[in-house]
Full PDB file with SEQRES, HELIX, SHEET, SSBOND, CRYST1, ORIGX, SCALE, CONECT and MASTER records, all heavy atoms in Angstrom:
SEQRES   1 A   31  SER THR ARG ALA VAL VAL GLU ASP VAL PRO PRO SER ARG          
SEQRES   2 A   31  LEU ALA GLY ALA ALA PHE ASP ASP TRP THR ALA ALA LEU          
SEQRES   3 A   31  GLY THR LEU GLY ASP                                          
HELIX    1 AA1 THR A    2  GLU A    7  1                                   6    
HELIX    2 AA2 LEU A   14  ALA A   18  5                                   5    
HELIX    3 AA3 TRP A   22  GLY A   30  1                                   9    
CRYST1    1.000    1.000    1.000  90.00  90.00  90.00 P 1           1          
ORIGX1      1.000000  0.000000  0.000000        0.00000                         
ORIGX2      0.000000  1.000000  0.000000        0.00000                         
ORIGX3      0.000000  0.000000  1.000000        0.00000                         
SCALE1      1.000000  0.000000  0.000000        0.00000                         
SCALE2      0.000000  1.000000  0.000000        0.00000                         
SCALE3      0.000000  0.000000  1.000000        0.00000                         
ATOM      1  N   SER A   1      50.088 213.501-211.303  1.00  0.00           N  
ATOM      2  CA  SER A   1      50.197 213.553-212.810  1.00  0.00           C  
ATOM      3  C   SER A   1      49.020 212.708-213.380  1.00  0.00           C  
ATOM      4  O   SER A   1      48.494 211.748-212.714  1.00  0.00           O  
ATOM      5  CB  SER A   1      51.560 212.930-213.284  1.00  0.00           C  
ATOM      6  OG  SER A   1      51.578 211.535-212.986  1.00  0.00           O  
ATOM      7  N   THR A   2      48.783 212.960-214.629  1.00  0.00           N  
ATOM      8  CA  THR A   2      47.795 212.135-215.313  1.00  0.00           C  
ATOM      9  C   THR A   2      48.259 210.695-215.465  1.00  0.00           C  
ATOM     10  O   THR A   2      47.528 209.734-215.325  1.00  0.00           O  
ATOM     11  CB  THR A   2      47.517 212.668-216.737  1.00  0.00           C  
ATOM     12  OG1 THR A   2      46.999 214.080-216.531  1.00  0.00           O  
ATOM     13  CG2 THR A   2      46.436 211.948-217.492  1.00  0.00           C  
ATOM     14  N   ARG A   3      49.593 210.535-215.689  1.00  0.00           N  
ATOM     15  CA  ARG A   3      50.160 209.211-215.791  1.00  0.00           C  
ATOM     16  C   ARG A   3      49.973 208.416-214.520  1.00  0.00           C  
ATOM     17  O   ARG A   3      49.642 207.223-214.566  1.00  0.00           O  
ATOM     18  CB  ARG A   3      51.682 209.307-216.091  1.00  0.00           C  
ATOM     19  CG  ARG A   3      52.403 207.953-216.172  1.00  0.00           C  
ATOM     20  CD  ARG A   3      53.869 208.116-216.444  1.00  0.00           C  
ATOM     21  NE  ARG A   3      54.535 206.879-216.175  1.00  0.00           N  
ATOM     22  CZ  ARG A   3      55.138 206.554-215.019  1.00  0.00           C  
ATOM     23  NH1 ARG A   3      55.266 207.437-214.059  1.00  0.00           N  
ATOM     24  NH2 ARG A   3      55.727 205.382-214.932  1.00  0.00           N  
ATOM     25  N   ALA A   4      50.103 209.029-213.391  1.00  0.00           N  
ATOM     26  CA  ALA A   4      49.861 208.338-212.114  1.00  0.00           C  
ATOM     27  C   ALA A   4      48.382 207.804-212.070  1.00  0.00           C  
ATOM     28  O   ALA A   4      48.243 206.680-211.548  1.00  0.00           O  
ATOM     29  CB  ALA A   4      50.051 209.339-210.949  1.00  0.00           C  
ATOM     30  N   VAL A   5      47.405 208.568-212.520  1.00  0.00           N  
ATOM     31  CA  VAL A   5      46.031 208.125-212.502  1.00  0.00           C  
ATOM     32  C   VAL A   5      45.864 207.000-213.521  1.00  0.00           C  
ATOM     33  O   VAL A   5      45.328 205.992-213.186  1.00  0.00           O  
ATOM     34  CB  VAL A   5      45.065 209.290-212.824  1.00  0.00           C  
ATOM     35  CG1 VAL A   5      43.690 208.756-212.998  1.00  0.00           C  
ATOM     36  CG2 VAL A   5      45.180 210.348-211.746  1.00  0.00           C  
ATOM     37  N   VAL A   6      46.284 207.158-214.777  1.00  0.00           N  
ATOM     38  CA  VAL A   6      46.146 206.135-215.786  1.00  0.00           C  
ATOM     39  C   VAL A   6      46.781 204.817-215.443  1.00  0.00           C  
ATOM     40  O   VAL A   6      46.233 203.766-215.667  1.00  0.00           O  
ATOM     41  CB  VAL A   6      46.615 206.733-217.163  1.00  0.00           C  
ATOM     42  CG1 VAL A   6      46.652 205.634-218.210  1.00  0.00           C  
ATOM     43  CG2 VAL A   6      45.791 207.902-217.568  1.00  0.00           C  
ATOM     44  N   GLU A   7      48.024 204.858-214.913  1.00  0.00           N  
ATOM     45  CA  GLU A   7      48.734 203.700-214.627  1.00  0.00           C  
ATOM     46  C   GLU A   7      48.742 203.241-213.147  1.00  0.00           C  
ATOM     47  O   GLU A   7      49.346 202.261-212.765  1.00  0.00           O  
ATOM     48  CB  GLU A   7      50.203 203.916-215.059  1.00  0.00           C  
ATOM     49  CG  GLU A   7      50.356 204.167-216.521  1.00  0.00           C  
ATOM     50  CD  GLU A   7      51.713 204.465-217.017  1.00  0.00           C  
ATOM     51  OE1 GLU A   7      52.703 204.237-216.211  1.00  0.00           O  
ATOM     52  OE2 GLU A   7      51.936 204.976-218.105  1.00  0.00           O  
ATOM     53  N   ASP A   8      48.079 204.058-212.337  1.00  0.00           N  
ATOM     54  CA  ASP A   8      48.010 203.692-210.884  1.00  0.00           C  
ATOM     55  C   ASP A   8      49.423 203.643-210.280  1.00  0.00           C  
ATOM     56  O   ASP A   8      49.730 202.684-209.598  1.00  0.00           O  
ATOM     57  CB  ASP A   8      47.176 202.440-210.545  1.00  0.00           C  
ATOM     58  CG  ASP A   8      46.816 202.337-209.133  1.00  0.00           C  
ATOM     59  OD1 ASP A   8      46.841 203.346-208.379  1.00  0.00           O  
ATOM     60  OD2 ASP A   8      46.370 201.187-208.746  1.00  0.00           O  
ATOM     61  N   VAL A   9      50.210 204.708-210.510  1.00  0.00           N  
ATOM     62  CA  VAL A   9      51.540 204.789-210.041  1.00  0.00           C  
ATOM     63  C   VAL A   9      51.695 205.859-208.989  1.00  0.00           C  
ATOM     64  O   VAL A   9      51.534 207.114-209.366  1.00  0.00           O  
ATOM     65  CB  VAL A   9      52.582 205.081-211.234  1.00  0.00           C  
ATOM     66  CG1 VAL A   9      53.876 205.219-210.739  1.00  0.00           C  
ATOM     67  CG2 VAL A   9      52.423 203.983-212.298  1.00  0.00           C  
ATOM     68  N   PRO A  10      51.874 205.519-207.763  1.00  0.00           N  
ATOM     69  CA  PRO A  10      52.035 206.588-206.730  1.00  0.00           C  
ATOM     70  C   PRO A  10      53.329 207.275-206.787  1.00  0.00           C  
ATOM     71  O   PRO A  10      54.290 206.785-207.436  1.00  0.00           O  
ATOM     72  CB  PRO A  10      51.948 205.789-205.386  1.00  0.00           C  
ATOM     73  CG  PRO A  10      52.392 204.445-205.773  1.00  0.00           C  
ATOM     74  CD  PRO A  10      52.010 204.167-207.227  1.00  0.00           C  
ATOM     75  N   PRO A  11      53.407 208.468-206.165  1.00  0.00           N  
ATOM     76  CA  PRO A  11      54.784 209.183-206.093  1.00  0.00           C  
ATOM     77  C   PRO A  11      55.662 208.316-205.214  1.00  0.00           C  
ATOM     78  O   PRO A  11      55.231 207.356-204.501  1.00  0.00           O  
ATOM     79  CB  PRO A  11      54.393 210.528-205.500  1.00  0.00           C  
ATOM     80  CG  PRO A  11      53.074 210.278-204.816  1.00  0.00           C  
ATOM     81  CD  PRO A  11      52.331 209.218-205.532  1.00  0.00           C  
ATOM     82  N   SER A  12      56.918 208.665-205.210  1.00  0.00           N  
ATOM     83  CA  SER A  12      57.879 208.031-204.306  1.00  0.00           C  
ATOM     84  C   SER A  12      57.528 208.098-202.894  1.00  0.00           C  
ATOM     85  O   SER A  12      56.761 209.061-202.468  1.00  0.00           O  
ATOM     86  CB  SER A  12      59.316 208.647-204.605  1.00  0.00           C  
ATOM     87  OG  SER A  12      59.334 209.859-203.954  1.00  0.00           O  
ATOM     88  N   ARG A  13      58.028 207.202-202.064  1.00  0.00           N  
ATOM     89  CA  ARG A  13      57.712 207.224-200.626  1.00  0.00           C  
ATOM     90  C   ARG A  13      58.224 208.556-200.005  1.00  0.00           C  
ATOM     91  O   ARG A  13      57.719 209.009-199.037  1.00  0.00           O  
ATOM     92  CB  ARG A  13      58.401 205.975-199.919  1.00  0.00           C  
ATOM     93  CG  ARG A  13      57.619 204.714-200.101  1.00  0.00           C  
ATOM     94  CD  ARG A  13      56.378 204.716-199.376  1.00  0.00           C  
ATOM     95  NE  ARG A  13      56.549 204.588-197.899  1.00  0.00           N  
ATOM     96  CZ  ARG A  13      55.646 204.949-197.049  1.00  0.00           C  
ATOM     97  NH1 ARG A  13      54.488 205.421-197.486  1.00  0.00           N  
ATOM     98  NH2 ARG A  13      55.833 204.827-195.775  1.00  0.00           N  
ATOM     99  N   LEU A  14      59.367 209.079-200.605  1.00  0.00           N  
ATOM    100  CA  LEU A  14      59.838 210.372-200.120  1.00  0.00           C  
ATOM    101  C   LEU A  14      58.769 211.441-200.162  1.00  0.00           C  
ATOM    102  O   LEU A  14      58.658 212.270-199.328  1.00  0.00           O  
ATOM    103  CB  LEU A  14      61.171 210.721-200.881  1.00  0.00           C  
ATOM    104  CG  LEU A  14      61.833 212.036-200.478  1.00  0.00           C  
ATOM    105  CD1 LEU A  14      62.346 211.925-199.007  1.00  0.00           C  
ATOM    106  CD2 LEU A  14      63.023 212.233-201.393  1.00  0.00           C  
ATOM    107  N   ALA A  15      58.082 211.418-201.288  1.00  0.00           N  
ATOM    108  CA  ALA A  15      56.968 212.401-201.454  1.00  0.00           C  
ATOM    109  C   ALA A  15      55.881 212.191-200.429  1.00  0.00           C  
ATOM    110  O   ALA A  15      55.077 213.153-200.137  1.00  0.00           O  
ATOM    111  CB  ALA A  15      56.390 212.336-202.862  1.00  0.00           C  
ATOM    112  N   GLY A  16      55.836 211.014-199.822  1.00  0.00           N  
ATOM    113  CA  GLY A  16      54.799 210.748-198.780  1.00  0.00           C  
ATOM    114  C   GLY A  16      54.824 211.774-197.664  1.00  0.00           C  
ATOM    115  O   GLY A  16      53.765 211.882-196.985  1.00  0.00           O  
ATOM    116  N   ALA A  17      55.952 212.383-197.455  1.00  0.00           N  
ATOM    117  CA  ALA A  17      56.058 213.378-196.403  1.00  0.00           C  
ATOM    118  C   ALA A  17      55.114 214.540-196.642  1.00  0.00           C  
ATOM    119  O   ALA A  17      54.751 215.297-195.736  1.00  0.00           O  
ATOM    120  CB  ALA A  17      57.444 213.900-196.255  1.00  0.00           C  
ATOM    121  N   ALA A  18      54.694 214.733-197.909  1.00  0.00           N  
ATOM    122  CA  ALA A  18      53.819 215.928-198.235  1.00  0.00           C  
ATOM    123  C   ALA A  18      52.302 215.520-198.095  1.00  0.00           C  
ATOM    124  O   ALA A  18      51.471 216.340-198.370  1.00  0.00           O  
ATOM    125  CB  ALA A  18      54.059 216.282-199.653  1.00  0.00           C  
ATOM    126  N   PHE A  19      52.000 214.312-197.626  1.00  0.00           N  
ATOM    127  CA  PHE A  19      50.632 213.861-197.445  1.00  0.00           C  
ATOM    128  C   PHE A  19      50.317 213.693-196.030  1.00  0.00           C  
ATOM    129  O   PHE A  19      51.061 213.282-195.178  1.00  0.00           O  
ATOM    130  CB  PHE A  19      50.543 212.456-198.163  1.00  0.00           C  
ATOM    131  CG  PHE A  19      50.571 212.563-199.636  1.00  0.00           C  
ATOM    132  CD1 PHE A  19      51.759 212.589-200.305  1.00  0.00           C  
ATOM    133  CD2 PHE A  19      49.386 212.634-200.408  1.00  0.00           C  
ATOM    134  CE1 PHE A  19      51.851 212.619-201.664  1.00  0.00           C  
ATOM    135  CE2 PHE A  19      49.480 212.680-201.744  1.00  0.00           C  
ATOM    136  CZ  PHE A  19      50.701 212.715-202.428  1.00  0.00           C  
ATOM    137  N   ASP A  20      49.054 214.016-195.717  1.00  0.00           N  
ATOM    138  CA  ASP A  20      48.514 213.894-194.363  1.00  0.00           C  
ATOM    139  C   ASP A  20      48.352 212.424-194.048  1.00  0.00           C  
ATOM    140  O   ASP A  20      48.679 211.960-192.925  1.00  0.00           O  
ATOM    141  CB  ASP A  20      47.171 214.662-194.246  1.00  0.00           C  
ATOM    142  CG  ASP A  20      46.526 214.429-192.957  1.00  0.00           C  
ATOM    143  OD1 ASP A  20      47.096 214.889-191.926  1.00  0.00           O  
ATOM    144  OD2 ASP A  20      45.470 213.845-192.911  1.00  0.00           O  
ATOM    145  N   ASP A  21      47.796 211.659-194.932  1.00  0.00           N  
ATOM    146  CA  ASP A  21      47.589 210.165-194.699  1.00  0.00           C  
ATOM    147  C   ASP A  21      47.981 209.445-195.982  1.00  0.00           C  
ATOM    148  O   ASP A  21      47.238 209.353-196.939  1.00  0.00           O  
ATOM    149  CB  ASP A  21      46.078 210.057-194.385  1.00  0.00           C  
ATOM    150  CG  ASP A  21      45.709 208.649-194.053  1.00  0.00           C  
ATOM    151  OD1 ASP A  21      46.441 207.635-194.433  1.00  0.00           O  
ATOM    152  OD2 ASP A  21      44.685 208.460-193.368  1.00  0.00           O  
ATOM    153  N   TRP A  22      49.172 208.855-195.937  1.00  0.00           N  
ATOM    154  CA  TRP A  22      49.777 208.162-197.078  1.00  0.00           C  
ATOM    155  C   TRP A  22      48.850 206.999-197.475  1.00  0.00           C  
ATOM    156  O   TRP A  22      48.560 206.810-198.679  1.00  0.00           O  
ATOM    157  CB  TRP A  22      51.154 207.687-196.745  1.00  0.00           C  
ATOM    158  CG  TRP A  22      51.862 207.002-197.847  1.00  0.00           C  
ATOM    159  CD1 TRP A  22      52.108 205.661-197.865  1.00  0.00           C  
ATOM    160  CD2 TRP A  22      52.267 207.547-199.094  1.00  0.00           C  
ATOM    161  NE1 TRP A  22      52.769 205.334-199.079  1.00  0.00           N  
ATOM    162  CE2 TRP A  22      52.890 206.459-199.868  1.00  0.00           C  
ATOM    163  CE3 TRP A  22      52.285 208.781-199.620  1.00  0.00           C  
ATOM    164  CZ2 TRP A  22      53.467 206.628-201.071  1.00  0.00           C  
ATOM    165  CZ3 TRP A  22      52.832 208.965-200.874  1.00  0.00           C  
ATOM    166  CH2 TRP A  22      53.416 207.922-201.592  1.00  0.00           C  
ATOM    167  N   THR A  23      48.367 206.264-196.580  1.00  0.00           N  
ATOM    168  CA  THR A  23      47.478 205.090-196.893  1.00  0.00           C  
ATOM    169  C   THR A  23      46.269 205.525-197.591  1.00  0.00           C  
ATOM    170  O   THR A  23      45.780 204.947-198.596  1.00  0.00           O  
ATOM    171  CB  THR A  23      47.116 204.305-195.655  1.00  0.00           C  
ATOM    172  OG1 THR A  23      48.372 203.849-195.020  1.00  0.00           O  
ATOM    173  CG2 THR A  23      46.280 203.048-195.982  1.00  0.00           C  
ATOM    174  N   ALA A  24      45.568 206.606-197.013  1.00  0.00           N  
ATOM    175  CA  ALA A  24      44.374 207.121-197.684  1.00  0.00           C  
ATOM    176  C   ALA A  24      44.676 207.661-199.090  1.00  0.00           C  
ATOM    177  O   ALA A  24      43.914 207.532-200.011  1.00  0.00           O  
ATOM    178  CB  ALA A  24      43.756 208.213-196.834  1.00  0.00           C  
ATOM    179  N   ALA A  25      45.863 208.349-199.252  1.00  0.00           N  
ATOM    180  CA  ALA A  25      46.308 208.874-200.566  1.00  0.00           C  
ATOM    181  C   ALA A  25      46.414 207.763-201.550  1.00  0.00           C  
ATOM    182  O   ALA A  25      45.993 207.899-202.753  1.00  0.00           O  
ATOM    183  CB  ALA A  25      47.517 209.699-200.390  1.00  0.00           C  
ATOM    184  N   LEU A  26      46.995 206.657-201.201  1.00  0.00           N  
ATOM    185  CA  LEU A  26      47.116 205.524-202.061  1.00  0.00           C  
ATOM    186  C   LEU A  26      45.756 204.956-202.447  1.00  0.00           C  
ATOM    187  O   LEU A  26      45.598 204.607-203.643  1.00  0.00           O  
ATOM    188  CB  LEU A  26      48.034 204.406-201.508  1.00  0.00           C  
ATOM    189  CG  LEU A  26      49.480 204.816-201.228  1.00  0.00           C  
ATOM    190  CD1 LEU A  26      50.209 203.675-200.650  1.00  0.00           C  
ATOM    191  CD2 LEU A  26      50.174 205.259-202.535  1.00  0.00           C  
ATOM    192  N   GLY A  27      44.855 204.913-201.506  1.00  0.00           N  
ATOM    193  CA  GLY A  27      43.537 204.436-201.827  1.00  0.00           C  
ATOM    194  C   GLY A  27      42.778 205.352-202.765  1.00  0.00           C  
ATOM    195  O   GLY A  27      42.130 204.931-203.643  1.00  0.00           O  
ATOM    196  N   THR A  28      42.923 206.708-202.558  1.00  0.00           N  
ATOM    197  CA  THR A  28      42.309 207.668-203.441  1.00  0.00           C  
ATOM    198  C   THR A  28      42.895 207.480-204.806  1.00  0.00           C  
ATOM    199  O   THR A  28      42.183 207.518-205.855  1.00  0.00           O  
ATOM    200  CB  THR A  28      42.532 209.067-202.923  1.00  0.00           C  
ATOM    201  OG1 THR A  28      41.849 209.219-201.701  1.00  0.00           O  
ATOM    202  CG2 THR A  28      42.093 210.126-203.943  1.00  0.00           C  
ATOM    203  N   LEU A  29      44.242 207.372-204.994  1.00  0.00           N  
ATOM    204  CA  LEU A  29      44.841 207.200-206.301  1.00  0.00           C  
ATOM    205  C   LEU A  29      44.275 205.988-206.978  1.00  0.00           C  
ATOM    206  O   LEU A  29      43.989 205.970-208.155  1.00  0.00           O  
ATOM    207  CB  LEU A  29      46.365 207.193-206.158  1.00  0.00           C  
ATOM    208  CG  LEU A  29      47.142 206.928-207.490  1.00  0.00           C  
ATOM    209  CD1 LEU A  29      46.891 208.032-208.498  1.00  0.00           C  
ATOM    210  CD2 LEU A  29      48.630 206.783-207.200  1.00  0.00           C  
ATOM    211  N   GLY A  30      44.160 204.847-206.248  1.00  0.00           N  
ATOM    212  CA  GLY A  30      43.585 203.686-206.847  1.00  0.00           C  
ATOM    213  C   GLY A  30      42.134 203.855-207.242  1.00  0.00           C  
ATOM    214  O   GLY A  30      41.752 203.403-208.338  1.00  0.00           O  
ATOM    215  N   ASP A  31      41.390 204.601-206.491  1.00  0.00           N  
ATOM    216  CA  ASP A  31      39.996 204.881-206.917  1.00  0.00           C  
ATOM    217  C   ASP A  31      40.011 205.810-208.144  1.00  0.00           C  
ATOM    218  O   ASP A  31      39.149 205.594-209.034  1.00  0.00           O  
ATOM    219  CB  ASP A  31      39.245 205.668-205.770  1.00  0.00           C  
ATOM    220  CG  ASP A  31      38.528 204.584-204.871  1.00  0.00           C  
ATOM    221  OD1 ASP A  31      38.259 203.479-205.309  1.00  0.00           O  
ATOM    222  OD2 ASP A  31      38.251 204.983-203.660  1.00  0.00           O  
TER     223      ASP A  31                                                      
MASTER        0    0    0    3    0    0    0    6  222    1    0    3          
END                                                                             
């Protein structure tokens, strides 16, 4: 979501199952 980018809010940990690399995804969201 745009809100996630603006506020640097990741999806829930449950959604982490949809990611190949959760740590990299959090880094990308921060960037």
